[in-house]
């Protein structure tokens, strides 16, 4: 099975190594997942595990409840690509899966910062602030006139900043707390507090 966990970002703290060094870490809580279904190449065209993430007592609509297959109610349903493994519906995947892992890749949705100008969004330099200049943070020219007579696609301009899928590769997994279902990751984890993230074994390990 492809080693993957789904969790939520708790926040940031610091821990100390055996040598006494302080390490800044991000905490990700990964509660045990329940296998709901196993997709196969013959029936579905690909192999994957359908898992329920995060137990909840809130009622769901009938189409969603039907996917839970009597295993309880979950906050989300996710898929994990399967390369090998004998997990069957009803099996549990917990944080012990990452007990011997040293490096992880983290995927999540970055913080949304709304509509932003080109200085904040693309790190453009501002214009002069003195001697009568009145274009301090304006974008300036966005293309030629007659030729091509239009603005090229993907020109860096003002627009929505953040709130997009971000993958951070090769982060160091410092500690695995099996009692509290916590991962301590050195490096950045995208998203705000309590935002969902996906943790996989790093391809750079």
N, C-alpha and C. Protein backbone atom coordinates (compact mmCIF):
# COMPACT_ATOMS: atom_id res chain seq x y z
N UNK A 1 0.82 -1.19 0.00
CA UNK A 1 0.00 0.00 0.00
C UNK A 1 0.86 1.25 0.00
N UNK A 2 0.42 2.25 -0.72
CA UNK A 2 1.09 3.55 -0.71
C UNK A 2 0.89 4.18 0.66
N UNK A 3 1.97 4.46 1.37
CA UNK A 3 1.85 4.98 2.73
C UNK A 3 1.33 6.41 2.71
N UNK A 4 0.08 6.58 3.13
CA UNK A 4 -0.59 7.89 3.11
C UNK A 4 -1.45 8.02 4.35
N UNK A 5 -1.41 9.20 4.95
CA UNK A 5 -2.29 9.53 6.07
C UNK A 5 -2.98 10.85 5.79
N UNK A 6 -4.20 10.98 6.27
CA UNK A 6 -4.94 12.24 6.19
C UNK A 6 -5.13 12.76 7.60
N UNK A 7 -4.89 14.05 7.79
CA UNK A 7 -5.03 14.63 9.11
C UNK A 7 -5.36 16.09 9.04
N UNK A 8 -5.19 16.76 10.16
CA UNK A 8 -5.41 18.20 10.19
C UNK A 8 -4.26 18.89 10.91
N UNK A 9 -3.96 20.07 10.45
CA UNK A 9 -2.87 20.85 11.03
C UNK A 9 -3.32 21.44 12.36
N UNK A 10 -2.56 21.16 13.42
CA UNK A 10 -2.91 21.65 14.75
C UNK A 10 -2.25 22.99 15.04
N UNK A 11 -1.00 23.13 14.65
CA UNK A 11 -0.28 24.37 14.94
C UNK A 11 1.21 24.12 15.02
N UNK A 12 1.90 25.05 15.64
CA UNK A 12 3.35 25.00 15.70
C UNK A 12 3.83 24.99 17.14
N UNK A 13 4.93 24.30 17.39
CA UNK A 13 5.53 24.29 18.72
C UNK A 13 7.02 24.00 18.55
N UNK A 14 7.68 23.72 19.65
CA UNK A 14 9.10 23.39 19.60
C UNK A 14 9.38 22.22 20.53
N UNK A 15 10.28 21.35 20.09
CA UNK A 15 10.69 20.22 20.91
C UNK A 15 12.21 20.22 20.95
N UNK A 16 12.77 19.38 21.82
CA UNK A 16 14.22 19.32 21.98
C UNK A 16 14.71 17.94 21.61
N UNK A 17 15.79 17.91 20.87
CA UNK A 17 16.39 16.65 20.46
C UNK A 17 17.18 16.05 21.63
N UNK A 18 17.70 14.84 21.43
CA UNK A 18 18.49 14.19 22.46
C UNK A 18 19.77 14.97 22.74
N UNK A 19 20.25 15.73 21.75
CA UNK A 19 21.46 16.53 21.93
C UNK A 19 21.16 17.88 22.58
N UNK A 20 19.89 18.14 22.88
CA UNK A 20 19.52 19.40 23.51
C UNK A 20 19.23 20.53 22.53
N UNK A 21 19.18 20.23 21.24
CA UNK A 21 18.89 21.26 20.24
C UNK A 21 17.39 21.52 20.16
N UNK A 22 17.02 22.77 20.08
CA UNK A 22 15.61 23.12 19.92
C UNK A 22 15.20 23.00 18.45
N UNK A 23 14.09 22.33 18.20
CA UNK A 23 13.61 22.11 16.84
C UNK A 23 12.19 22.67 16.73
N UNK A 24 11.98 23.59 15.81
CA UNK A 24 10.64 24.11 15.55
C UNK A 24 9.89 23.12 14.67
N UNK A 25 8.70 22.73 15.08
CA UNK A 25 7.94 21.70 14.35
C UNK A 25 6.49 22.13 14.18
N UNK A 26 5.89 21.58 13.14
CA UNK A 26 4.45 21.69 12.92
C UNK A 26 3.81 20.39 13.40
N UNK A 27 2.65 20.52 14.05
CA UNK A 27 1.95 19.34 14.57
C UNK A 27 0.77 19.02 13.66
N UNK A 28 0.71 17.77 13.23
CA UNK A 28 -0.42 17.30 12.42
C UNK A 28 -1.07 16.13 13.14
N UNK A 29 -2.36 16.22 13.35
CA UNK A 29 -3.10 15.15 14.01
C UNK A 29 -3.71 14.23 12.96
N UNK A 30 -3.38 12.95 13.06
CA UNK A 30 -3.87 11.96 12.10
C UNK A 30 -4.61 10.86 12.87
N UNK A 31 -5.92 10.98 12.97
CA UNK A 31 -6.73 9.97 13.65
C UNK A 31 -6.81 8.71 12.78
N UNK A 32 -7.03 7.55 13.39
CA UNK A 32 -7.11 6.31 12.60
C UNK A 32 -8.18 6.38 11.51
N UNK A 33 -7.85 5.81 10.34
CA UNK A 33 -8.77 5.78 9.21
C UNK A 33 -9.33 4.36 9.06
N UNK A 34 -10.55 4.28 8.57
CA UNK A 34 -11.21 2.99 8.35
C UNK A 34 -11.34 2.72 6.86
N UNK A 35 -10.93 1.55 6.44
CA UNK A 35 -11.07 1.18 5.03
C UNK A 35 -12.53 0.87 4.74
N UNK A 36 -13.13 1.61 3.81
CA UNK A 36 -14.53 1.43 3.46
C UNK A 36 -14.71 0.53 2.24
N UNK A 37 -13.78 0.60 1.30
CA UNK A 37 -13.93 -0.14 0.06
C UNK A 37 -12.57 -0.30 -0.59
N UNK A 38 -12.40 -1.37 -1.32
CA UNK A 38 -11.18 -1.57 -2.09
C UNK A 38 -11.54 -1.60 -3.58
N UNK A 39 -11.06 -0.61 -4.33
CA UNK A 39 -11.33 -0.55 -5.76
C UNK A 39 -10.31 -1.41 -6.50
N UNK A 40 -10.77 -2.07 -7.55
CA UNK A 40 -9.91 -2.97 -8.30
C UNK A 40 -9.85 -2.56 -9.77
N UNK A 41 -8.82 -3.04 -10.44
CA UNK A 41 -8.65 -2.71 -11.86
C UNK A 41 -9.75 -3.30 -12.71
N UNK A 42 -10.22 -4.49 -12.36
CA UNK A 42 -11.25 -5.15 -13.15
C UNK A 42 -12.58 -4.40 -13.10
N UNK A 43 -12.94 -3.92 -11.93
CA UNK A 43 -14.25 -3.30 -11.76
C UNK A 43 -14.22 -1.79 -11.93
N UNK A 44 -13.18 -1.14 -11.40
CA UNK A 44 -13.14 0.32 -11.36
C UNK A 44 -12.11 0.92 -12.32
N UNK A 45 -11.24 0.10 -12.89
CA UNK A 45 -10.24 0.61 -13.81
C UNK A 45 -8.94 1.02 -13.17
N UNK A 46 -8.89 1.01 -11.85
CA UNK A 46 -7.66 1.34 -11.12
C UNK A 46 -7.77 0.77 -9.72
N UNK A 47 -6.64 0.72 -9.04
CA UNK A 47 -6.61 0.17 -7.68
C UNK A 47 -6.47 1.28 -6.66
N UNK A 48 -7.31 1.24 -5.65
CA UNK A 48 -7.27 2.26 -4.60
C UNK A 48 -8.04 1.77 -3.39
N UNK A 49 -7.72 2.36 -2.26
CA UNK A 49 -8.48 2.13 -1.04
C UNK A 49 -9.34 3.36 -0.76
N UNK A 50 -10.61 3.15 -0.51
CA UNK A 50 -11.51 4.22 -0.09
C UNK A 50 -11.56 4.20 1.43
N UNK A 51 -11.16 5.29 2.07
CA UNK A 51 -11.07 5.32 3.53
C UNK A 51 -11.95 6.43 4.09
N UNK A 52 -12.45 6.18 5.29
CA UNK A 52 -13.19 7.19 6.04
C UNK A 52 -12.24 7.87 7.01
N UNK A 53 -12.25 9.21 7.01
CA UNK A 53 -11.32 10.00 7.82
C UNK A 53 -12.10 10.79 8.86
N UNK A 54 -11.69 10.69 10.11
CA UNK A 54 -12.27 11.52 11.16
C UNK A 54 -13.66 11.10 11.57
N UNK A 55 -13.79 10.45 12.70
CA UNK A 55 -15.10 10.05 13.21
C UNK A 55 -15.91 11.29 13.60
N UNK A 56 -17.21 11.23 13.35
CA UNK A 56 -18.10 12.33 13.72
C UNK A 56 -19.46 11.78 14.09
N UNK A 57 -20.20 12.54 14.88
CA UNK A 57 -21.57 12.12 15.26
C UNK A 57 -22.62 12.83 14.42
N UNK A 58 -22.18 13.73 13.53
CA UNK A 58 -23.13 14.47 12.71
C UNK A 58 -23.74 13.56 11.64
N UNK A 59 -25.01 13.74 11.39
CA UNK A 59 -25.71 12.94 10.40
C UNK A 59 -25.34 13.41 8.99
N UNK A 60 -25.24 12.45 8.07
CA UNK A 60 -24.97 12.73 6.67
C UNK A 60 -26.19 12.35 5.84
N UNK A 61 -26.21 12.81 4.59
CA UNK A 61 -27.31 12.42 3.74
C UNK A 61 -27.16 10.95 3.33
N UNK A 62 -28.21 10.39 2.78
CA UNK A 62 -28.23 8.95 2.52
C UNK A 62 -27.18 8.50 1.50
N UNK A 63 -26.94 9.25 0.41
CA UNK A 63 -25.89 8.80 -0.51
C UNK A 63 -24.52 8.70 0.14
N UNK A 64 -24.19 9.66 1.01
CA UNK A 64 -22.90 9.62 1.70
C UNK A 64 -22.88 8.53 2.76
N UNK A 65 -23.99 8.42 3.50
CA UNK A 65 -24.06 7.40 4.55
C UNK A 65 -23.91 6.00 3.95
N UNK A 66 -24.42 5.79 2.73
CA UNK A 66 -24.31 4.49 2.08
C UNK A 66 -22.88 4.09 1.83
N UNK A 67 -22.00 5.09 1.62
CA UNK A 67 -20.59 4.79 1.38
C UNK A 67 -19.87 4.38 2.66
N UNK A 68 -20.43 4.72 3.82
CA UNK A 68 -19.80 4.36 5.08
C UNK A 68 -19.92 2.86 5.37
N UNK A 69 -20.87 2.19 4.73
CA UNK A 69 -21.01 0.73 4.80
C UNK A 69 -21.14 0.20 6.22
N UNK A 70 -21.80 0.98 7.10
CA UNK A 70 -22.03 0.51 8.45
C UNK A 70 -20.85 0.59 9.38
N UNK A 71 -19.76 1.25 8.96
CA UNK A 71 -18.56 1.34 9.79
C UNK A 71 -18.56 2.59 10.68
N UNK A 72 -19.62 3.37 10.65
CA UNK A 72 -19.68 4.60 11.44
C UNK A 72 -19.86 5.80 10.54
N UNK A 73 -19.76 6.99 11.11
CA UNK A 73 -19.90 8.23 10.36
C UNK A 73 -18.57 8.98 10.37
N UNK A 74 -18.18 9.48 9.20
CA UNK A 74 -16.87 10.12 9.05
C UNK A 74 -17.03 11.53 8.50
N UNK A 75 -16.04 12.36 8.78
CA UNK A 75 -16.08 13.73 8.30
C UNK A 75 -15.75 13.83 6.82
N UNK A 76 -14.97 12.87 6.30
CA UNK A 76 -14.57 12.93 4.90
C UNK A 76 -14.28 11.52 4.38
N UNK A 77 -14.39 11.38 3.06
CA UNK A 77 -14.04 10.13 2.39
C UNK A 77 -12.90 10.43 1.42
N UNK A 78 -11.82 9.66 1.48
CA UNK A 78 -10.66 9.89 0.65
C UNK A 78 -10.21 8.58 0.00
N UNK A 79 -9.33 8.70 -0.99
CA UNK A 79 -8.78 7.54 -1.67
C UNK A 79 -7.27 7.51 -1.53
N UNK A 80 -6.74 6.29 -1.38
CA UNK A 80 -5.30 6.08 -1.30
C UNK A 80 -4.92 5.12 -2.42
N UNK A 81 -4.00 5.50 -3.31
CA UNK A 81 -3.55 4.57 -4.36
C UNK A 81 -2.91 3.33 -3.73
N UNK A 82 -3.21 2.19 -4.31
CA UNK A 82 -2.71 0.92 -3.78
C UNK A 82 -1.70 0.31 -4.75
N UNK A 83 -0.52 0.03 -4.25
CA UNK A 83 0.48 -0.70 -5.04
C UNK A 83 0.55 -2.15 -4.59
N UNK A 84 0.36 -2.39 -3.31
CA UNK A 84 0.32 -3.75 -2.77
C UNK A 84 -0.31 -3.65 -1.39
N UNK A 85 -0.70 -4.77 -0.85
CA UNK A 85 -1.29 -4.77 0.48
C UNK A 85 -2.55 -5.62 0.51
N UNK A 86 -2.88 -6.10 1.71
CA UNK A 86 -4.02 -7.01 1.86
C UNK A 86 -5.09 -6.40 2.75
N UNK A 87 -5.20 -5.09 2.82
CA UNK A 87 -6.23 -4.46 3.65
C UNK A 87 -7.60 -4.69 3.04
N UNK A 88 -8.56 -4.97 3.89
CA UNK A 88 -9.93 -5.24 3.46
C UNK A 88 -10.87 -4.25 4.14
N UNK A 89 -12.11 -4.09 3.63
CA UNK A 89 -13.07 -3.19 4.29
C UNK A 89 -13.24 -3.52 5.76
N UNK A 90 -13.17 -2.48 6.58
CA UNK A 90 -13.24 -2.63 8.02
C UNK A 90 -11.89 -2.54 8.70
N UNK A 91 -10.80 -2.67 7.92
CA UNK A 91 -9.46 -2.55 8.50
C UNK A 91 -9.17 -1.12 8.91
N UNK A 92 -8.25 -0.96 9.84
CA UNK A 92 -7.89 0.36 10.36
C UNK A 92 -6.45 0.69 9.97
N UNK A 93 -6.28 1.94 9.52
CA UNK A 93 -4.94 2.45 9.22
C UNK A 93 -4.65 3.56 10.22
N UNK A 94 -3.61 3.38 11.02
CA UNK A 94 -3.31 4.39 12.04
C UNK A 94 -1.92 4.97 11.83
N UNK A 95 -1.51 5.78 12.79
CA UNK A 95 -0.29 6.57 12.66
C UNK A 95 0.97 5.70 12.75
N UNK A 96 0.83 4.47 13.23
CA UNK A 96 1.99 3.58 13.31
C UNK A 96 2.55 3.25 11.92
N UNK A 97 1.78 3.55 10.88
CA UNK A 97 2.24 3.35 9.50
C UNK A 97 3.51 4.15 9.22
N UNK A 98 3.68 5.28 9.94
CA UNK A 98 4.82 6.18 9.71
C UNK A 98 5.90 6.04 10.78
N UNK A 99 5.88 4.95 11.50
CA UNK A 99 6.79 4.80 12.64
C UNK A 99 8.25 4.83 12.21
N UNK A 100 8.57 4.25 11.06
CA UNK A 100 9.96 4.18 10.60
C UNK A 100 10.26 5.16 9.46
N UNK A 101 9.36 6.11 9.21
CA UNK A 101 9.53 7.06 8.10
C UNK A 101 10.34 8.26 8.57
N UNK A 102 11.27 8.72 7.75
CA UNK A 102 12.12 9.86 8.10
C UNK A 102 11.75 11.14 7.36
N UNK A 103 11.25 11.02 6.12
CA UNK A 103 10.93 12.18 5.30
C UNK A 103 9.51 12.04 4.75
N UNK A 104 8.78 13.14 4.72
CA UNK A 104 7.40 13.11 4.23
C UNK A 104 7.15 14.26 3.26
N UNK A 105 6.15 14.07 2.40
CA UNK A 105 5.62 15.14 1.56
C UNK A 105 4.27 15.54 2.13
N UNK A 106 4.01 16.83 2.17
CA UNK A 106 2.78 17.35 2.76
C UNK A 106 2.00 18.12 1.70
N UNK A 107 0.72 17.79 1.57
CA UNK A 107 -0.14 18.48 0.60
C UNK A 107 -1.34 19.07 1.33
N UNK A 108 -1.67 20.31 0.99
CA UNK A 108 -2.82 20.97 1.60
C UNK A 108 -3.21 22.20 0.82
N UNK A 109 -4.21 22.91 1.31
CA UNK A 109 -4.67 24.14 0.69
C UNK A 109 -4.10 25.32 1.46
N UNK A 110 -3.39 26.19 0.77
CA UNK A 110 -2.73 27.32 1.42
C UNK A 110 -3.76 28.33 1.92
N UNK A 111 -3.32 29.19 2.81
CA UNK A 111 -4.20 30.22 3.37
C UNK A 111 -4.67 31.15 2.26
N UNK A 112 -5.96 31.43 2.23
CA UNK A 112 -6.50 32.38 1.28
C UNK A 112 -6.32 33.80 1.78
N UNK A 113 -5.75 34.67 0.95
CA UNK A 113 -5.48 36.05 1.37
C UNK A 113 -6.25 37.07 0.54
N UNK A 114 -7.25 36.58 -0.22
CA UNK A 114 -8.11 37.49 -0.95
C UNK A 114 -7.44 38.11 -2.16
N UNK A 115 -8.02 39.21 -2.63
CA UNK A 115 -7.51 39.91 -3.80
C UNK A 115 -6.29 40.72 -3.37
N UNK A 116 -5.17 40.48 -4.06
CA UNK A 116 -3.92 41.14 -3.68
C UNK A 116 -3.31 41.81 -4.90
N UNK A 117 -2.57 42.88 -4.66
CA UNK A 117 -1.89 43.60 -5.74
C UNK A 117 -0.62 42.89 -6.17
N UNK A 118 0.01 43.45 -7.20
CA UNK A 118 1.19 42.77 -7.76
C UNK A 118 2.40 42.82 -6.83
N UNK A 119 2.49 43.80 -5.95
CA UNK A 119 3.63 43.87 -5.03
C UNK A 119 3.56 42.72 -4.02
N UNK A 120 2.38 42.52 -3.45
CA UNK A 120 2.23 41.45 -2.46
C UNK A 120 2.16 40.07 -3.13
N UNK A 121 1.52 40.00 -4.28
CA UNK A 121 1.29 38.71 -4.92
C UNK A 121 2.52 38.18 -5.66
N UNK A 122 3.24 39.08 -6.35
CA UNK A 122 4.36 38.64 -7.17
C UNK A 122 5.69 39.26 -6.75
N UNK A 123 5.69 40.00 -5.64
CA UNK A 123 6.92 40.59 -5.10
C UNK A 123 7.55 41.60 -6.06
N UNK A 124 6.70 42.35 -6.78
CA UNK A 124 7.22 43.42 -7.64
C UNK A 124 7.81 44.54 -6.78
N UNK A 125 8.74 45.28 -7.33
CA UNK A 125 9.25 46.46 -6.65
C UNK A 125 8.24 47.60 -6.78
N UNK A 126 8.18 48.44 -5.80
CA UNK A 126 7.30 49.61 -5.88
C UNK A 126 8.01 50.74 -6.60
N UNK A 127 7.25 51.76 -6.97
CA UNK A 127 7.83 52.93 -7.62
C UNK A 127 8.40 53.91 -6.60
N UNK A 128 9.03 54.98 -7.07
CA UNK A 128 9.58 55.99 -6.15
C UNK A 128 8.48 56.61 -5.30
N UNK A 129 8.83 56.97 -4.08
CA UNK A 129 7.84 57.52 -3.14
C UNK A 129 7.93 59.04 -3.02
N UNK A 130 8.92 59.67 -3.67
CA UNK A 130 9.12 61.11 -3.50
C UNK A 130 9.20 61.82 -4.86
N UNK A 131 9.48 63.11 -4.81
CA UNK A 131 9.71 63.94 -6.00
C UNK A 131 8.52 63.92 -6.96
N UNK A 132 7.31 63.91 -6.40
CA UNK A 132 6.13 64.05 -7.23
C UNK A 132 5.62 62.79 -7.89
N UNK A 133 6.26 61.66 -7.66
CA UNK A 133 5.78 60.42 -8.27
C UNK A 133 4.45 60.01 -7.64
N UNK A 134 3.52 59.56 -8.49
CA UNK A 134 2.21 59.16 -7.99
C UNK A 134 1.87 57.71 -8.34
N UNK A 135 2.85 56.94 -8.83
CA UNK A 135 2.63 55.53 -9.12
C UNK A 135 3.51 54.69 -8.18
N UNK A 136 3.04 54.58 -6.94
CA UNK A 136 3.86 53.91 -5.93
C UNK A 136 3.78 52.39 -6.04
N UNK A 137 2.59 51.85 -6.11
CA UNK A 137 2.40 50.40 -6.16
C UNK A 137 1.60 49.98 -7.40
N UNK A 138 1.54 50.85 -8.38
CA UNK A 138 0.82 50.54 -9.62
C UNK A 138 1.60 49.52 -10.45
N UNK A 139 0.90 48.71 -11.27
CA UNK A 139 1.59 47.65 -12.01
C UNK A 139 2.46 48.16 -13.16
N UNK A 140 2.18 49.32 -13.71
CA UNK A 140 2.95 49.80 -14.84
C UNK A 140 2.47 49.16 -16.15
N UNK A 141 3.33 49.10 -17.14
CA UNK A 141 2.96 48.57 -18.45
C UNK A 141 2.64 47.08 -18.38
N UNK A 142 1.61 46.67 -19.11
CA UNK A 142 1.24 45.26 -19.15
C UNK A 142 1.35 44.71 -20.58
N UNK A 143 2.05 45.43 -21.47
CA UNK A 143 2.25 44.92 -22.82
C UNK A 143 2.38 46.05 -23.82
N UNK A 144 2.70 45.69 -25.05
CA UNK A 144 2.85 46.67 -26.12
C UNK A 144 1.48 47.12 -26.63
N UNK A 145 1.48 48.09 -27.55
CA UNK A 145 0.23 48.67 -28.03
C UNK A 145 -0.34 47.95 -29.24
N UNK A 146 0.01 48.42 -30.44
CA UNK A 146 -0.57 47.87 -31.66
C UNK A 146 -0.25 46.39 -31.83
N UNK A 147 0.98 46.01 -31.56
CA UNK A 147 1.37 44.61 -31.64
C UNK A 147 1.81 44.13 -30.26
N UNK A 148 1.14 43.18 -29.66
CA UNK A 148 0.08 42.34 -30.23
C UNK A 148 -1.32 42.92 -30.11
N UNK A 149 -1.47 44.06 -29.46
CA UNK A 149 -2.80 44.65 -29.34
C UNK A 149 -3.68 43.97 -28.30
N UNK A 150 -3.06 43.22 -27.43
CA UNK A 150 -3.80 42.54 -26.36
C UNK A 150 -2.83 42.24 -25.23
N UNK A 151 -3.37 41.78 -24.13
CA UNK A 151 -2.54 41.38 -22.99
C UNK A 151 -2.33 39.88 -23.05
N UNK A 152 -1.07 39.45 -22.99
CA UNK A 152 -0.77 38.02 -23.04
C UNK A 152 -1.37 37.29 -21.84
N UNK A 153 -1.75 36.05 -22.06
CA UNK A 153 -2.23 35.21 -20.98
C UNK A 153 -1.11 34.98 -19.96
N UNK A 154 -1.53 34.78 -18.72
CA UNK A 154 -0.61 34.48 -17.61
C UNK A 154 0.32 35.64 -17.28
N UNK A 155 -0.03 36.86 -17.72
CA UNK A 155 0.73 38.03 -17.29
C UNK A 155 0.56 38.22 -15.79
N UNK A 156 1.65 38.46 -15.12
CA UNK A 156 1.58 38.60 -13.66
C UNK A 156 0.93 39.93 -13.29
N UNK A 157 -0.26 39.83 -12.74
CA UNK A 157 -1.03 41.03 -12.37
C UNK A 157 -1.69 40.78 -11.02
N UNK A 158 -2.49 41.73 -10.59
CA UNK A 158 -3.22 41.58 -9.34
C UNK A 158 -4.25 40.47 -9.49
N UNK A 159 -4.59 39.83 -8.38
CA UNK A 159 -5.58 38.76 -8.43
C UNK A 159 -5.64 38.02 -7.11
N UNK A 160 -6.32 36.89 -7.13
CA UNK A 160 -6.51 36.12 -5.90
C UNK A 160 -5.18 35.52 -5.46
N UNK A 161 -4.89 35.65 -4.18
CA UNK A 161 -3.64 35.14 -3.62
C UNK A 161 -3.95 34.04 -2.62
N UNK A 162 -3.26 32.91 -2.77
CA UNK A 162 -3.45 31.80 -1.85
C UNK A 162 -4.67 30.97 -2.20
N UNK A 163 -5.11 30.14 -1.24
CA UNK A 163 -6.28 29.28 -1.40
C UNK A 163 -6.14 28.35 -2.60
N UNK A 164 -4.99 27.69 -2.69
CA UNK A 164 -4.77 26.73 -3.77
C UNK A 164 -3.98 25.54 -3.24
N UNK A 165 -4.05 24.43 -3.95
CA UNK A 165 -3.34 23.23 -3.52
C UNK A 165 -1.83 23.45 -3.57
N UNK A 166 -1.17 23.13 -2.47
CA UNK A 166 0.27 23.30 -2.36
C UNK A 166 0.88 21.99 -1.86
N UNK A 167 1.96 21.57 -2.48
CA UNK A 167 2.70 20.39 -2.04
C UNK A 167 4.09 20.82 -1.58
N UNK A 168 4.43 20.47 -0.36
CA UNK A 168 5.75 20.75 0.19
C UNK A 168 6.48 19.43 0.31
N UNK A 169 7.61 19.31 -0.41
CA UNK A 169 8.29 18.03 -0.53
C UNK A 169 9.50 17.93 0.39
N UNK A 170 9.76 16.72 0.84
CA UNK A 170 11.00 16.44 1.58
C UNK A 170 11.09 17.08 2.94
N UNK A 171 10.00 17.05 3.73
CA UNK A 171 10.04 17.57 5.09
C UNK A 171 10.46 16.46 6.06
N UNK A 172 11.20 16.85 7.07
CA UNK A 172 11.72 15.88 8.03
C UNK A 172 10.67 15.54 9.08
N UNK A 173 10.39 14.25 9.23
CA UNK A 173 9.48 13.79 10.27
C UNK A 173 10.28 13.55 11.54
N UNK A 174 10.12 14.43 12.52
CA UNK A 174 10.96 14.41 13.71
C UNK A 174 10.46 13.39 14.73
N UNK A 175 9.14 13.29 14.90
CA UNK A 175 8.61 12.45 15.98
C UNK A 175 7.22 11.95 15.61
N UNK A 176 6.91 10.73 16.06
CA UNK A 176 5.59 10.14 15.89
C UNK A 176 5.04 9.82 17.27
N UNK A 177 3.94 10.49 17.65
CA UNK A 177 3.31 10.27 18.95
C UNK A 177 2.09 9.38 18.74
N UNK A 178 2.25 8.06 18.95
CA UNK A 178 1.17 7.12 18.68
C UNK A 178 0.03 7.24 19.69
N UNK A 179 0.35 7.64 20.92
CA UNK A 179 -0.70 7.75 21.93
C UNK A 179 -1.71 8.83 21.60
N UNK A 180 -1.23 9.95 21.06
CA UNK A 180 -2.11 11.08 20.76
C UNK A 180 -2.35 11.28 19.26
N UNK A 181 -1.84 10.33 18.45
CA UNK A 181 -2.03 10.39 16.98
C UNK A 181 -1.47 11.68 16.39
N UNK A 182 -0.24 12.03 16.78
CA UNK A 182 0.36 13.28 16.32
C UNK A 182 1.65 13.02 15.55
N UNK A 183 1.84 13.79 14.48
CA UNK A 183 3.10 13.81 13.75
C UNK A 183 3.76 15.16 13.97
N UNK A 184 5.06 15.15 14.25
CA UNK A 184 5.83 16.37 14.44
C UNK A 184 6.75 16.53 13.23
N UNK A 185 6.46 17.55 12.41
CA UNK A 185 7.15 17.72 11.14
C UNK A 185 7.98 19.00 11.18
N UNK A 186 9.26 18.88 10.85
CA UNK A 186 10.14 20.05 10.80
C UNK A 186 10.04 20.66 9.40
N UNK A 187 9.57 21.87 9.35
CA UNK A 187 9.36 22.54 8.07
C UNK A 187 7.95 23.07 7.97
N UNK A 188 7.59 23.54 6.79
CA UNK A 188 6.31 24.19 6.63
C UNK A 188 5.22 23.20 6.26
N UNK A 189 4.02 23.45 6.78
CA UNK A 189 2.82 22.68 6.45
C UNK A 189 1.78 23.67 5.94
N UNK A 190 1.31 23.53 4.70
CA UNK A 190 0.39 24.53 4.15
C UNK A 190 -0.95 24.56 4.87
N UNK A 191 -1.57 25.75 4.87
CA UNK A 191 -2.90 25.89 5.42
C UNK A 191 -2.93 26.53 6.79
N UNK A 192 -4.14 26.89 7.22
CA UNK A 192 -4.36 27.47 8.53
C UNK A 192 -4.56 26.36 9.56
N UNK A 193 -4.72 26.74 10.81
CA UNK A 193 -4.97 25.76 11.86
C UNK A 193 -6.28 25.01 11.57
N UNK A 194 -6.26 23.72 11.85
CA UNK A 194 -7.40 22.82 11.66
C UNK A 194 -7.73 22.55 10.20
N UNK A 195 -6.87 22.97 9.28
CA UNK A 195 -7.11 22.68 7.87
C UNK A 195 -6.63 21.28 7.54
N UNK A 196 -7.32 20.57 6.64
CA UNK A 196 -6.94 19.19 6.30
C UNK A 196 -5.66 19.13 5.48
N UNK A 197 -4.86 18.12 5.73
CA UNK A 197 -3.62 17.92 4.98
C UNK A 197 -3.48 16.43 4.66
N UNK A 198 -2.67 16.16 3.64
CA UNK A 198 -2.36 14.80 3.23
C UNK A 198 -0.86 14.56 3.41
N UNK A 199 -0.51 13.50 4.11
CA UNK A 199 0.90 13.19 4.39
C UNK A 199 1.26 11.90 3.67
N UNK A 200 2.31 11.93 2.89
CA UNK A 200 2.80 10.73 2.20
C UNK A 200 4.31 10.59 2.42
N UNK A 201 4.80 9.38 2.23
CA UNK A 201 6.24 9.16 2.32
C UNK A 201 6.93 9.91 1.20
N UNK A 202 7.97 10.65 1.54
CA UNK A 202 8.62 11.52 0.57
C UNK A 202 9.33 10.72 -0.53
N UNK A 203 9.21 11.21 -1.75
CA UNK A 203 9.92 10.61 -2.86
C UNK A 203 11.41 10.95 -2.79
N UNK A 204 11.78 11.90 -1.92
CA UNK A 204 13.17 12.31 -1.78
C UNK A 204 13.89 11.55 -0.68
N UNK A 205 13.16 10.67 0.00
CA UNK A 205 13.76 9.94 1.12
C UNK A 205 14.82 8.96 0.61
